[in-house]
Amino acid sequence: MSIWWSLHLRREAASVPLARRLLLGTMETAGVDPDISYDLSVALSEACANAVEHGGGAGGDAEAGASSEAYRVTAYLDGETCRIEVADSGPGFPDRRPVAPPAPVLSQESGRGLCLIEQLADHVHFRNQPGHGAVVSFDKMLKWREGALLRVV
C-alpha cells in the first residue's frame, strides 16, 4: 500500500505548521518510526518556510500573479521511502547555486534551511522550473513501528 497527497497552500506563515501536522499525522497513522517522522517534518517545515519567504513574484501576468500567492507540497509514502516535494512560483534558485549550500554562520537568523534539509534527508534535489519557480525535493528511507499499517515486509 502507498499514500500520497498534494496541498496547494497560501504563502502565509500559518500554512507551514498545517503542512507539517498533516505529514506527521499521515506518518503516525501509517506507522512510521517517530524519529524518521520528526526528521521529515522538520525538513518539510524548512522547505515550506522558504517557499513562503521566497516563493512569489515569478511572471508578470495576472495568472502568474495569482499563483505567486500559493505553493504546492506533495508527499509520497511508498514502500520503504517517503518523498516530499515543495514547489513555488518565485524567482527560483540563483543560476550559480552550488550543489551543496555553504555552511551557514550559526549566529545568522536565516539561511540554514537548505543545509538542514540536506542533513535530515537521504537525498535532496534543488531545481528551477523555468518561468515557474523553485522545487525542493527530498526523500528518506522509512523505518516502521511494529504492526504498522504500511510496513513493507
Protein backbone atom coordinates (compact mmCIF):
# COMPACT_ATOMS: atom_id res chain seq x y z
CA MET A 1 0.00 0.00 0.00
CA SER A 2 1.10 3.56 -0.58
CA ILE A 3 -0.17 7.01 0.34
CA TRP A 4 0.27 10.30 -1.47
CA TRP A 5 -1.27 13.71 -1.06
CA SER A 6 -0.81 17.16 -2.52
CA LEU A 7 -1.64 20.52 -0.95
CA HIS A 8 -1.89 23.94 -2.53
CA LEU A 9 -1.19 26.38 0.29
CA ARG A 10 -1.25 30.15 0.55
CA ARG A 11 2.15 31.77 1.03
CA GLU A 12 1.40 32.57 4.67
CA ALA A 13 3.34 31.60 7.76
CA ALA A 14 0.29 29.75 9.14
CA SER A 15 0.49 27.25 6.26
CA VAL A 16 3.82 25.83 7.46
CA PRO A 17 2.55 24.11 10.63
CA LEU A 18 -0.52 22.92 8.71
CA ALA A 19 1.66 21.04 6.20
CA ARG A 20 3.86 19.71 9.00
CA ARG A 21 0.90 18.44 11.04
CA LEU A 22 -0.63 16.72 8.02
CA LEU A 23 2.66 14.94 7.30
CA LEU A 24 3.11 13.91 10.94
CA GLY A 25 -0.49 12.66 11.13
CA THR A 26 -0.10 10.64 7.94
CA MET A 27 3.13 9.03 9.12
CA GLU A 28 1.73 8.35 12.61
CA THR A 29 -1.33 6.65 11.11
CA ALA A 30 0.81 4.64 8.68
CA GLY A 31 3.14 3.53 11.49
CA VAL A 32 6.39 5.28 10.55
CA ASP A 33 9.07 5.40 13.25
CA PRO A 34 8.68 8.68 15.22
CA ASP A 35 12.34 9.71 14.75
CA ILE A 36 12.03 9.44 10.95
CA SER A 37 8.70 11.28 11.05
CA TYR A 38 10.27 14.08 13.08
CA ASP A 39 13.25 14.47 10.71
CA LEU A 40 10.98 14.64 7.67
CA SER A 41 8.60 17.08 9.35
CA VAL A 42 11.44 19.47 10.21
CA ALA A 43 12.78 19.25 6.64
CA LEU A 44 9.28 19.91 5.29
CA SER A 45 8.88 22.90 7.61
CA GLU A 46 12.13 24.39 6.32
CA ALA A 47 11.16 23.86 2.67
CA CYS A 48 7.73 25.40 3.28
CA ALA A 49 9.22 28.36 5.15
CA ASN A 50 11.50 29.01 2.15
CA ALA A 51 8.51 28.87 -0.22
CA VAL A 52 6.58 31.31 1.97
CA GLU A 53 9.51 33.73 2.21
CA HIS A 54 10.97 33.49 -1.31
CA GLY A 55 8.31 31.78 -3.43
CA GLY A 56 6.42 34.65 -5.03
CA GLY A 57 6.92 37.06 -7.86
CA ALA A 58 7.51 34.90 -10.95
CA GLY A 59 5.91 36.12 -14.14
CA GLY A 60 4.11 39.34 -14.82
CA ASP A 61 0.60 38.45 -15.96
CA ALA A 62 -2.49 38.19 -13.80
CA GLU A 63 -2.48 34.39 -13.87
CA ALA A 64 1.14 34.22 -12.66
CA GLY A 65 0.35 36.84 -10.04
CA ALA A 66 -2.47 34.73 -8.65
CA SER A 67 -0.29 31.62 -8.49
CA SER A 68 2.51 33.53 -6.76
CA GLU A 69 0.30 33.64 -3.68
CA ALA A 70 0.47 29.85 -3.29
CA TYR A 71 2.89 26.97 -3.23
CA ARG A 72 2.47 23.22 -3.55
CA VAL A 73 3.50 20.40 -1.21
CA THR A 74 3.33 16.79 -2.37
CA ALA A 75 4.23 13.80 -0.20
CA TYR A 76 4.55 10.15 -1.24
CA LEU A 77 4.89 7.28 1.23
CA ASP A 78 5.59 4.26 -0.90
CA GLY A 79 7.29 1.08 0.19
CA GLU A 80 10.46 1.90 2.06
CA THR A 81 10.65 5.58 1.07
CA CYS A 82 8.99 8.90 1.75
CA ARG A 83 9.49 11.53 -0.95
CA ILE A 84 8.43 15.15 -0.43
CA GLU A 85 8.36 17.95 -2.97
CA VAL A 86 7.76 21.65 -2.32
CA ALA A 87 7.28 23.85 -5.40
CA ASP A 88 6.79 27.61 -5.50
CA SER A 89 6.32 30.25 -8.18
CA GLY A 90 9.16 32.55 -7.15
CA PRO A 91 12.32 33.55 -8.98
CA GLY A 92 13.97 30.18 -8.37
CA PHE A 93 17.47 29.46 -7.18
CA PRO A 94 20.37 31.60 -8.41
CA ASP A 95 21.96 30.33 -11.64
CA ARG A 96 25.24 29.55 -9.96
CA ARG A 97 23.85 27.91 -6.84
CA PRO A 98 26.37 25.33 -5.56
CA VAL A 99 25.31 21.68 -5.30
CA ALA A 100 25.63 21.91 -1.51
CA PRO A 101 24.92 25.30 0.06
CA PRO A 102 27.75 26.79 2.10
CA ALA A 103 27.63 26.14 5.83
CA PRO A 104 25.64 28.93 7.48
CA VAL A 105 27.02 31.11 10.23
CA LEU A 106 25.36 29.90 13.44
CA SER A 107 24.56 33.45 14.59
CA GLN A 108 22.51 34.11 11.42
CA GLU A 109 18.76 34.31 11.88
CA SER A 110 18.11 32.78 8.46
CA GLY A 111 19.89 30.85 5.74
CA ARG A 112 20.15 27.48 7.44
CA GLY A 113 17.05 25.80 5.97
CA LEU A 114 18.56 24.19 2.87
CA CYS A 115 21.54 22.89 4.86
CA LEU A 116 19.20 21.45 7.47
CA ILE A 117 17.13 19.69 4.81
CA GLU A 118 20.32 18.12 3.43
CA GLN A 119 21.28 16.89 6.91
CA LEU A 120 17.87 15.36 7.67
CA ALA A 121 17.06 13.68 4.34
CA ASP A 122 18.84 10.90 2.47
CA HIS A 123 18.66 12.54 -0.97
CA VAL A 124 17.92 16.18 -1.78
CA HIS A 125 17.44 17.85 -5.13
CA PHE A 126 17.09 21.59 -5.77
CA ARG A 127 15.95 22.71 -9.21
CA ASN A 128 14.27 25.53 -11.05
CA GLN A 129 11.16 25.26 -13.17
CA PRO A 130 11.92 27.77 -15.94
CA GLY A 131 9.48 30.64 -15.53
CA HIS A 132 7.67 28.87 -12.69
CA GLY A 133 9.85 28.98 -9.56
CA ALA A 134 11.91 26.62 -7.44
CA VAL A 135 11.39 22.99 -6.46
CA VAL A 136 12.94 21.35 -3.40
CA SER A 137 12.50 17.57 -3.32
CA PHE A 138 13.89 15.16 -0.77
CA ASP A 139 13.44 11.60 0.34
CA LYS A 140 14.29 9.38 3.26
CA MET A 141 14.24 5.66 3.84
CA LEU A 142 11.48 4.75 6.25
CA LYS A 143 11.62 2.70 9.41
CA TRP A 144 8.40 1.26 10.75
CA ARG A 145 6.88 0.66 14.16
CA GLU A 146 5.83 -2.90 14.95
CA GLY A 147 2.37 -3.61 13.49
CA ALA A 148 2.48 -0.60 11.14
CA LEU A 149 -0.29 -0.36 8.52
CA LEU A 150 2.04 0.20 5.55
CA ARG A 151 5.02 -1.75 6.74
CA VAL A 152 6.93 -3.43 3.94
CA VAL A 153 7.86 -6.99 4.89
